[in-house]
Amino acid sequence: MIYKLSFIILCALILINCKTETPPSVEAEKEEVRQFFKEWVGFINSRSLEKFDEFWVENPDASLIVPEKREAIISYNNIKQYYSEKIAEFDSLEYNLWDPTIWVSPTKSEAQVNFMAKRKIIFKNGFIIEFDPVRSSALLLKFGGKWKVLNLHESTQAK
């Protein structure tokens, strides 16, 4: 009987001393997604591929749908190639986004984001095009504590 009581007390002490980490709240995850998109704007405006892998999931199922293409661009490598080709054509790019609506899954490893954006592109040949507003939706996945885009869909009418 004493052994049982000692065992119970020992288990209780172990449980009391165990530290359990509180999982992040949905609001905390939404704030991380907002921060991700602040950095995304900087990445897009930089016209550089240097940090591409910090923003896109390296996955053959990644997809990008943009107004200037008739079909979706599928796979991480093809999306990176598309960005590379576009960057080479641009003299400058001004990209802004606003009003993100963020839904974070209960597992906190997936987020759906809808937002509005504006793009003004000045091509090296002097041609200027503006997309305003750009209606966008994105599916983000969280890997190793970092959010990344798996799918991005943009639609608009050129001005």
N, C-alpha and C. Protein backbone atom coordinates (compact mmCIF):
# COMPACT_ATOMS: atom_id res chain seq x y z
N MET A 1 0.82 -1.18 0.00
CA MET A 1 0.00 0.00 0.00
C MET A 1 0.87 1.26 0.00
N ILE A 2 1.92 1.25 0.80
CA ILE A 2 2.84 2.39 0.87
C ILE A 2 3.50 2.58 -0.48
N TYR A 3 3.85 1.48 -1.15
CA TYR A 3 4.48 1.59 -2.46
C TYR A 3 3.54 2.23 -3.48
N LYS A 4 2.25 1.84 -3.42
CA LYS A 4 1.27 2.42 -4.33
C LYS A 4 1.12 3.91 -4.08
N LEU A 5 1.05 4.29 -2.81
CA LEU A 5 0.90 5.70 -2.44
C LEU A 5 2.14 6.48 -2.86
N SER A 6 3.31 5.92 -2.64
CA SER A 6 4.55 6.58 -3.05
C SER A 6 4.61 6.75 -4.57
N PHE A 7 4.18 5.70 -5.28
CA PHE A 7 4.16 5.76 -6.73
C PHE A 7 3.21 6.85 -7.21
N ILE A 8 2.04 6.94 -6.63
CA ILE A 8 1.04 7.95 -7.00
C ILE A 8 1.59 9.35 -6.72
N ILE A 9 2.21 9.54 -5.58
CA ILE A 9 2.78 10.84 -5.24
C ILE A 9 3.90 11.19 -6.21
N LEU A 10 4.76 10.24 -6.54
CA LEU A 10 5.85 10.46 -7.49
C LEU A 10 5.29 10.86 -8.85
N CYS A 11 4.27 10.16 -9.33
CA CYS A 11 3.65 10.49 -10.62
C CYS A 11 3.05 11.89 -10.59
N ALA A 12 2.40 12.24 -9.49
CA ALA A 12 1.80 13.56 -9.36
C ALA A 12 2.88 14.64 -9.41
N LEU A 13 3.99 14.42 -8.71
CA LEU A 13 5.08 15.39 -8.72
C LEU A 13 5.67 15.55 -10.12
N ILE A 14 5.80 14.43 -10.82
CA ILE A 14 6.34 14.49 -12.18
C ILE A 14 5.40 15.30 -13.07
N LEU A 15 4.10 15.04 -12.97
CA LEU A 15 3.13 15.77 -13.78
C LEU A 15 3.12 17.25 -13.46
N ILE A 16 3.24 17.59 -12.18
CA ILE A 16 3.24 19.00 -11.78
C ILE A 16 4.47 19.70 -12.33
N ASN A 17 5.61 19.02 -12.35
CA ASN A 17 6.85 19.64 -12.80
C ASN A 17 7.02 19.65 -14.32
N CYS A 18 6.20 18.84 -15.02
CA CYS A 18 6.29 18.84 -16.48
C CYS A 18 5.75 20.16 -17.00
N LYS A 19 6.49 20.75 -17.90
CA LYS A 19 6.05 22.00 -18.51
C LYS A 19 5.45 21.67 -19.87
N THR A 20 4.24 22.09 -20.05
CA THR A 20 3.61 21.91 -21.35
C THR A 20 3.55 23.26 -22.04
N GLU A 21 3.95 23.26 -23.28
CA GLU A 21 3.91 24.50 -24.03
C GLU A 21 2.50 24.71 -24.57
N THR A 22 2.04 25.92 -24.42
CA THR A 22 0.74 26.27 -24.95
C THR A 22 0.87 26.46 -26.45
N PRO A 23 0.03 25.77 -27.21
CA PRO A 23 0.13 25.95 -28.66
C PRO A 23 -0.22 27.39 -29.03
N PRO A 24 0.35 27.88 -30.11
CA PRO A 24 0.06 29.26 -30.49
C PRO A 24 -1.43 29.43 -30.79
N SER A 25 -1.94 30.58 -30.47
CA SER A 25 -3.35 30.86 -30.74
C SER A 25 -3.55 31.14 -32.22
N VAL A 26 -4.78 31.03 -32.66
CA VAL A 26 -5.11 31.34 -34.04
C VAL A 26 -4.76 32.80 -34.33
N GLU A 27 -5.02 33.68 -33.37
CA GLU A 27 -4.69 35.11 -33.58
C GLU A 27 -3.19 35.31 -33.74
N ALA A 28 -2.39 34.57 -32.98
CA ALA A 28 -0.94 34.68 -33.13
C ALA A 28 -0.50 34.20 -34.52
N GLU A 29 -1.14 33.13 -34.99
CA GLU A 29 -0.82 32.62 -36.33
C GLU A 29 -1.24 33.63 -37.40
N LYS A 30 -2.40 34.26 -37.22
CA LYS A 30 -2.83 35.28 -38.18
C LYS A 30 -1.84 36.44 -38.22
N GLU A 31 -1.31 36.80 -37.08
CA GLU A 31 -0.33 37.89 -37.04
C GLU A 31 0.94 37.47 -37.78
N GLU A 32 1.34 36.20 -37.66
CA GLU A 32 2.50 35.71 -38.42
C GLU A 32 2.24 35.79 -39.92
N VAL A 33 1.00 35.46 -40.33
CA VAL A 33 0.64 35.53 -41.75
C VAL A 33 0.68 36.99 -42.22
N ARG A 34 0.16 37.92 -41.41
CA ARG A 34 0.23 39.34 -41.76
C ARG A 34 1.69 39.77 -41.96
N GLN A 35 2.55 39.34 -41.06
CA GLN A 35 3.97 39.67 -41.15
C GLN A 35 4.59 39.05 -42.40
N PHE A 36 4.19 37.82 -42.70
CA PHE A 36 4.66 37.16 -43.92
C PHE A 36 4.35 38.03 -45.14
N PHE A 37 3.12 38.57 -45.20
CA PHE A 37 2.74 39.37 -46.36
C PHE A 37 3.41 40.73 -46.39
N LYS A 38 3.77 41.27 -45.24
CA LYS A 38 4.57 42.51 -45.24
C LYS A 38 5.93 42.22 -45.89
N GLU A 39 6.51 41.10 -45.53
CA GLU A 39 7.80 40.70 -46.11
C GLU A 39 7.63 40.31 -47.58
N TRP A 40 6.50 39.72 -47.93
CA TRP A 40 6.19 39.35 -49.32
C TRP A 40 6.23 40.57 -50.22
N VAL A 41 5.61 41.68 -49.76
CA VAL A 41 5.61 42.92 -50.54
C VAL A 41 7.04 43.37 -50.81
N GLY A 42 7.89 43.32 -49.79
CA GLY A 42 9.29 43.67 -49.98
C GLY A 42 9.99 42.74 -50.96
N PHE A 43 9.69 41.46 -50.87
CA PHE A 43 10.27 40.47 -51.78
C PHE A 43 9.87 40.77 -53.23
N ILE A 44 8.58 41.00 -53.46
CA ILE A 44 8.10 41.27 -54.82
C ILE A 44 8.72 42.57 -55.35
N ASN A 45 8.73 43.61 -54.54
CA ASN A 45 9.29 44.89 -54.98
C ASN A 45 10.79 44.85 -55.19
N SER A 46 11.47 43.91 -54.56
CA SER A 46 12.93 43.81 -54.72
C SER A 46 13.34 43.35 -56.12
N ARG A 47 12.40 42.70 -56.83
CA ARG A 47 12.70 42.16 -58.16
C ARG A 47 13.95 41.28 -58.14
N SER A 48 14.02 40.45 -57.10
CA SER A 48 15.17 39.56 -56.93
C SER A 48 14.67 38.17 -56.57
N LEU A 49 15.38 37.17 -57.02
CA LEU A 49 15.05 35.79 -56.67
C LEU A 49 15.83 35.31 -55.45
N GLU A 50 16.63 36.19 -54.87
CA GLU A 50 17.50 35.81 -53.77
C GLU A 50 16.76 35.09 -52.64
N LYS A 51 15.56 35.56 -52.29
CA LYS A 51 14.81 34.96 -51.18
C LYS A 51 13.60 34.16 -51.65
N PHE A 52 13.58 33.76 -52.90
CA PHE A 52 12.43 33.06 -53.46
C PHE A 52 12.02 31.86 -52.62
N ASP A 53 13.00 31.05 -52.21
CA ASP A 53 12.67 29.83 -51.46
C ASP A 53 12.16 30.10 -50.05
N GLU A 54 12.29 31.34 -49.57
CA GLU A 54 11.73 31.70 -48.26
C GLU A 54 10.22 31.96 -48.36
N PHE A 55 9.72 32.14 -49.58
CA PHE A 55 8.32 32.50 -49.77
C PHE A 55 7.47 31.44 -50.45
N TRP A 56 8.08 30.56 -51.22
CA TRP A 56 7.34 29.53 -51.94
C TRP A 56 7.69 28.14 -51.43
N VAL A 57 6.69 27.28 -51.34
CA VAL A 57 6.90 25.88 -50.97
C VAL A 57 7.54 25.18 -52.15
N GLU A 58 8.64 24.50 -51.90
CA GLU A 58 9.31 23.76 -52.97
C GLU A 58 8.54 22.47 -53.19
N ASN A 59 7.59 22.53 -54.13
CA ASN A 59 6.65 21.44 -54.32
C ASN A 59 6.24 21.40 -55.79
N PRO A 60 6.15 20.21 -56.39
CA PRO A 60 5.73 20.13 -57.79
C PRO A 60 4.26 20.53 -57.99
N ASP A 61 3.47 20.58 -56.90
CA ASP A 61 2.06 20.96 -57.00
C ASP A 61 1.83 22.45 -56.72
N ALA A 62 2.89 23.20 -56.46
CA ALA A 62 2.73 24.64 -56.25
C ALA A 62 2.13 25.24 -57.52
N SER A 63 1.31 26.29 -57.35
CA SER A 63 0.70 26.88 -58.54
C SER A 63 0.59 28.39 -58.41
N LEU A 64 0.67 29.04 -59.56
CA LEU A 64 0.54 30.49 -59.66
C LEU A 64 -0.38 30.79 -60.84
N ILE A 65 -1.44 31.55 -60.57
CA ILE A 65 -2.34 32.00 -61.62
C ILE A 65 -2.29 33.51 -61.63
N VAL A 66 -1.87 34.08 -62.77
CA VAL A 66 -1.72 35.53 -62.90
C VAL A 66 -2.51 36.00 -64.12
N PRO A 67 -2.92 37.26 -64.10
CA PRO A 67 -3.76 37.77 -65.19
C PRO A 67 -3.13 37.68 -66.58
N GLU A 68 -1.82 37.79 -66.66
CA GLU A 68 -1.18 37.83 -67.97
C GLU A 68 -0.94 36.45 -68.59
N LYS A 69 -1.26 35.39 -67.88
CA LYS A 69 -1.08 34.03 -68.41
C LYS A 69 -2.45 33.36 -68.56
N ARG A 70 -2.62 32.60 -69.62
CA ARG A 70 -3.90 31.92 -69.85
C ARG A 70 -4.04 30.66 -68.99
N GLU A 71 -2.93 30.09 -68.59
CA GLU A 71 -2.97 28.85 -67.81
C GLU A 71 -2.16 29.02 -66.54
N ALA A 72 -2.48 28.18 -65.57
CA ALA A 72 -1.73 28.18 -64.32
C ALA A 72 -0.29 27.75 -64.56
N ILE A 73 0.60 28.33 -63.79
CA ILE A 73 2.00 27.93 -63.79
C ILE A 73 2.13 26.92 -62.65
N ILE A 74 2.52 25.71 -62.99
CA ILE A 74 2.53 24.62 -62.01
C ILE A 74 3.97 24.20 -61.70
N SER A 75 4.28 24.08 -60.46
CA SER A 75 5.53 23.58 -59.86
C SER A 75 6.42 24.74 -59.42
N TYR A 76 7.10 24.48 -58.35
CA TYR A 76 8.04 25.45 -57.78
C TYR A 76 9.03 25.93 -58.83
N ASN A 77 9.62 25.00 -59.56
CA ASN A 77 10.65 25.36 -60.55
C ASN A 77 10.09 26.23 -61.67
N ASN A 78 8.89 25.92 -62.16
CA ASN A 78 8.29 26.72 -63.23
C ASN A 78 7.89 28.11 -62.73
N ILE A 79 7.43 28.21 -61.50
CA ILE A 79 7.08 29.51 -60.93
C ILE A 79 8.34 30.36 -60.78
N LYS A 80 9.40 29.75 -60.30
CA LYS A 80 10.67 30.47 -60.16
C LYS A 80 11.17 30.95 -61.53
N GLN A 81 11.04 30.11 -62.54
CA GLN A 81 11.45 30.49 -63.90
C GLN A 81 10.60 31.65 -64.41
N TYR A 82 9.30 31.62 -64.14
CA TYR A 82 8.40 32.71 -64.55
C TYR A 82 8.84 34.02 -63.91
N TYR A 83 9.07 34.00 -62.59
CA TYR A 83 9.53 35.22 -61.90
C TYR A 83 10.85 35.72 -62.50
N SER A 84 11.75 34.81 -62.79
CA SER A 84 13.04 35.18 -63.36
C SER A 84 12.87 35.89 -64.70
N GLU A 85 12.00 35.36 -65.54
CA GLU A 85 11.76 35.97 -66.85
C GLU A 85 11.13 37.34 -66.71
N LYS A 86 10.17 37.48 -65.80
CA LYS A 86 9.49 38.76 -65.61
C LYS A 86 10.45 39.81 -65.05
N ILE A 87 11.25 39.44 -64.09
CA ILE A 87 12.20 40.37 -63.48
C ILE A 87 13.13 40.95 -64.56
N ALA A 88 13.52 40.11 -65.51
CA ALA A 88 14.42 40.55 -66.57
C ALA A 88 13.76 41.60 -67.48
N GLU A 89 12.43 41.60 -67.55
CA GLU A 89 11.70 42.54 -68.41
C GLU A 89 11.42 43.89 -67.73
N PHE A 90 11.43 43.91 -66.39
CA PHE A 90 10.99 45.11 -65.66
C PHE A 90 12.13 46.08 -65.40
N ASP A 91 11.81 47.36 -65.54
CA ASP A 91 12.70 48.42 -65.08
C ASP A 91 12.37 48.75 -63.64
N SER A 92 11.06 48.75 -63.31
CA SER A 92 10.65 48.94 -61.92
C SER A 92 9.30 48.29 -61.69
N LEU A 93 9.02 48.04 -60.44
CA LEU A 93 7.79 47.40 -60.03
C LEU A 93 7.36 47.99 -58.70
N GLU A 94 6.11 48.43 -58.62
CA GLU A 94 5.53 48.90 -57.37
C GLU A 94 4.36 47.98 -57.05
N TYR A 95 4.48 47.28 -55.92
CA TYR A 95 3.45 46.32 -55.51
C TYR A 95 3.04 46.65 -54.09
N ASN A 96 1.73 46.72 -53.87
CA ASN A 96 1.18 46.93 -52.53
C ASN A 96 -0.02 46.01 -52.36
N LEU A 97 -0.29 45.65 -51.12
CA LEU A 97 -1.50 44.88 -50.85
C LEU A 97 -2.18 45.41 -49.60
N TRP A 98 -3.48 45.14 -49.51
CA TRP A 98 -4.24 45.62 -48.35
C TRP A 98 -5.43 44.70 -48.11
N ASP A 99 -6.06 44.90 -46.98
CA ASP A 99 -7.27 44.19 -46.57
C ASP A 99 -7.17 42.67 -46.61
N PRO A 100 -6.13 42.07 -46.03
CA PRO A 100 -6.10 40.61 -46.04
C PRO A 100 -7.16 40.03 -45.09
N THR A 101 -7.88 39.06 -45.59
CA THR A 101 -8.78 38.26 -44.76
C THR A 101 -8.09 36.93 -44.59
N ILE A 102 -7.84 36.55 -43.35
CA ILE A 102 -7.01 35.37 -43.07
C ILE A 102 -7.82 34.33 -42.32
N TRP A 103 -7.80 33.11 -42.82
CA TRP A 103 -8.37 31.97 -42.11
C TRP A 103 -7.24 30.99 -41.84
N VAL A 104 -7.06 30.62 -40.58
CA VAL A 104 -6.03 29.66 -40.20
C VAL A 104 -6.71 28.37 -39.78
N SER A 105 -6.25 27.24 -40.31
CA SER A 105 -6.85 25.95 -40.00
C SER A 105 -6.64 25.62 -38.52
N PRO A 106 -7.50 24.77 -37.97
CA PRO A 106 -7.34 24.37 -36.56
C PRO A 106 -5.98 23.74 -36.26
N THR A 107 -5.35 23.13 -37.25
CA THR A 107 -4.03 22.52 -37.02
C THR A 107 -2.93 23.57 -37.01
N LYS A 108 -3.26 24.80 -37.44
CA LYS A 108 -2.33 25.93 -37.48
C LYS A 108 -1.15 25.67 -38.42
N SER A 109 -1.38 24.84 -39.44
CA SER A 109 -0.31 24.59 -40.41
C SER A 109 -0.74 24.95 -41.82
N GLU A 110 -1.95 25.53 -41.94
CA GLU A 110 -2.47 25.92 -43.24
C GLU A 110 -3.27 27.20 -43.07
N ALA A 111 -3.12 28.11 -44.02
CA ALA A 111 -3.86 29.37 -43.96
C ALA A 111 -4.37 29.72 -45.36
N GLN A 112 -5.60 30.21 -45.40
CA GLN A 112 -6.19 30.73 -46.64
C GLN A 112 -6.27 32.23 -46.48
N VAL A 113 -5.77 32.98 -47.45
CA VAL A 113 -5.73 34.44 -47.36
C VAL A 113 -6.32 35.03 -48.64
N ASN A 114 -7.24 35.96 -48.47
CA ASN A 114 -7.79 36.73 -49.59
C ASN A 114 -7.41 38.18 -49.36
N PHE A 115 -6.95 38.86 -50.41
CA PHE A 115 -6.53 40.25 -50.25
C PHE A 115 -6.60 40.98 -51.59
N MET A 116 -6.53 42.28 -51.50
CA MET A 116 -6.49 43.15 -52.68
C MET A 116 -5.06 43.68 -52.81
N ALA A 117 -4.66 43.93 -54.05
CA ALA A 117 -3.31 44.43 -54.30
C ALA A 117 -3.33 45.38 -55.50
N LYS A 118 -2.21 46.03 -55.70
CA LYS A 118 -2.01 46.93 -56.83
C LYS A 118 -0.60 46.69 -57.36
N ARG A 119 -0.49 46.63 -58.69
CA ARG A 119 0.82 46.47 -59.32
C ARG A 119 0.99 47.52 -60.40
N LYS A 120 2.09 48.22 -60.36
CA LYS A 120 2.47 49.13 -61.45
C LYS A 120 3.83 48.66 -61.94
N ILE A 121 3.87 48.34 -63.21
CA ILE A 121 5.09 47.80 -63.80
C ILE A 121 5.56 48.74 -64.90
N ILE A 122 6.83 49.10 -64.82
CA ILE A 122 7.47 49.86 -65.90
C ILE A 122 8.49 48.92 -66.53
N PHE A 123 8.24 48.62 -67.79
CA PHE A 123 9.11 47.70 -68.51
C PHE A 123 10.36 48.43 -69.01
N LYS A 124 11.38 47.68 -69.31
CA LYS A 124 12.64 48.27 -69.79
C LYS A 124 12.45 49.03 -71.09
N ASN A 125 11.42 48.68 -71.86
CA ASN A 125 11.16 49.39 -73.12
C ASN A 125 10.32 50.66 -72.89
N GLY A 126 10.00 50.98 -71.61
CA GLY A 126 9.25 52.19 -71.30
C GLY A 126 7.74 51.99 -71.17
N PHE A 127 7.24 50.85 -71.59
CA PHE A 127 5.81 50.56 -71.50
C PHE A 127 5.41 50.45 -70.02
N ILE A 128 4.28 51.05 -69.66
CA ILE A 128 3.78 51.02 -68.28
C ILE A 128 2.43 50.33 -68.26
N ILE A 129 2.25 49.44 -67.29
CA ILE A 129 0.96 48.77 -67.11
C ILE A 129 0.62 48.77 -65.62
N GLU A 130 -0.64 49.02 -65.33
CA GLU A 130 -1.11 48.99 -63.94
C GLU A 130 -2.22 47.97 -63.81
N PHE A 131 -2.16 47.21 -62.77
CA PHE A 131 -3.22 46.30 -62.38
C PHE A 131 -3.75 46.81 -61.05
N ASP A 132 -5.02 47.29 -61.06
CA ASP A 132 -5.58 47.88 -59.85
C ASP A 132 -7.10 47.84 -59.90
N PRO A 133 -7.74 47.10 -59.04
CA PRO A 133 -7.16 46.25 -58.01
C PRO A 133 -6.87 44.85 -58.54
N VAL A 134 -5.99 44.18 -57.88
CA VAL A 134 -5.71 42.78 -58.13
C VAL A 134 -6.39 42.01 -57.00
N ARG A 135 -7.33 41.16 -57.36
CA ARG A 135 -8.00 40.33 -56.36
C ARG A 135 -7.18 39.05 -56.23
N SER A 136 -6.77 38.74 -55.01
CA SER A 136 -5.84 37.64 -54.82
C SER A 136 -6.31 36.69 -53.74
N SER A 137 -5.96 35.43 -53.92
CA SER A 137 -6.17 34.44 -52.87
C SER A 137 -4.93 33.56 -52.84
N ALA A 138 -4.57 33.17 -51.64
CA ALA A 138 -3.36 32.37 -51.47
C ALA A 138 -3.59 31.26 -50.45
N LEU A 139 -2.99 30.13 -50.69
CA LEU A 139 -2.96 29.04 -49.73
C LEU A 139 -1.53 28.95 -49.22
N LEU A 140 -1.38 29.12 -47.91
CA LEU A 140 -0.06 29.05 -47.29
C LEU A 140 0.03 27.80 -46.43
N LEU A 141 1.20 27.22 -46.39
CA LEU A 141 1.49 26.08 -45.52
C LEU A 141 2.62 26.48 -44.59
N LYS A 142 2.61 25.92 -43.39
CA LYS A 142 3.65 26.24 -42.42
C LYS A 142 4.60 25.05 -42.30
N PHE A 143 5.89 25.32 -42.55
CA PHE A 143 6.93 24.31 -42.45
C PHE A 143 8.02 24.83 -41.54
N GLY A 144 8.41 24.06 -40.56
CA GLY A 144 9.51 24.47 -39.69
C GLY A 144 9.29 25.83 -39.07
N GLY A 145 8.04 26.15 -38.75
CA GLY A 145 7.72 27.41 -38.11
C GLY A 145 7.62 28.60 -39.06
N LYS A 146 7.70 28.34 -40.38
CA LYS A 146 7.64 29.45 -41.35
C LYS A 146 6.51 29.21 -42.35
N TRP A 147 5.77 30.29 -42.64
CA TRP A 147 4.71 30.24 -43.64
C TRP A 147 5.32 30.38 -45.02
N LYS A 148 4.75 29.62 -45.98
CA LYS A 148 5.17 29.71 -47.39
C LYS A 148 3.94 29.53 -48.27
N VAL A 149 4.00 30.10 -49.47
CA VAL A 149 2.91 30.02 -50.42
C VAL A 149 2.97 28.68 -51.17
N LEU A 150 1.82 28.02 -51.24
CA LEU A 150 1.70 26.83 -52.08
C LEU A 150 0.94 27.20 -53.36
N ASN A 151 -0.13 27.98 -53.21
CA ASN A 151 -0.94 28.39 -54.36
C ASN A 151 -1.24 29.88 -54.24
N LEU A 152 -1.11 30.59 -55.35
CA LEU A 152 -1.47 32.00 -55.42
C LEU A 152 -2.27 32.23 -56.70
N HIS A 153 -3.42 32.90 -56.53
CA HIS A 153 -4.27 33.20 -57.68
C HIS A 153 -4.55 34.69 -57.67
N GLU A 154 -4.24 35.35 -58.79
CA GLU A 154 -4.50 36.79 -58.95
C GLU A 154 -5.41 36.99 -60.15
N SER A 155 -6.35 37.91 -60.03
CA SER A 155 -7.17 38.27 -61.18
C SER A 155 -7.46 39.77 -61.14
N THR A 156 -7.58 40.36 -62.33
CA THR A 156 -7.79 41.80 -62.43
C THR A 156 -8.15 42.18 -63.85
N GLN A 157 -8.36 43.47 -64.03
CA GLN A 157 -8.50 44.04 -65.36
C GLN A 157 -7.41 45.10 -65.49
N ALA A 158 -6.71 45.09 -66.58
CA ALA A 158 -5.64 46.07 -66.80
C ALA A 158 -6.25 47.43 -67.06
N LYS A 159 -5.56 48.50 -66.60
CA LYS A 159 -6.00 49.87 -66.86
C LYS A 159 -5.20 50.45 -68.00
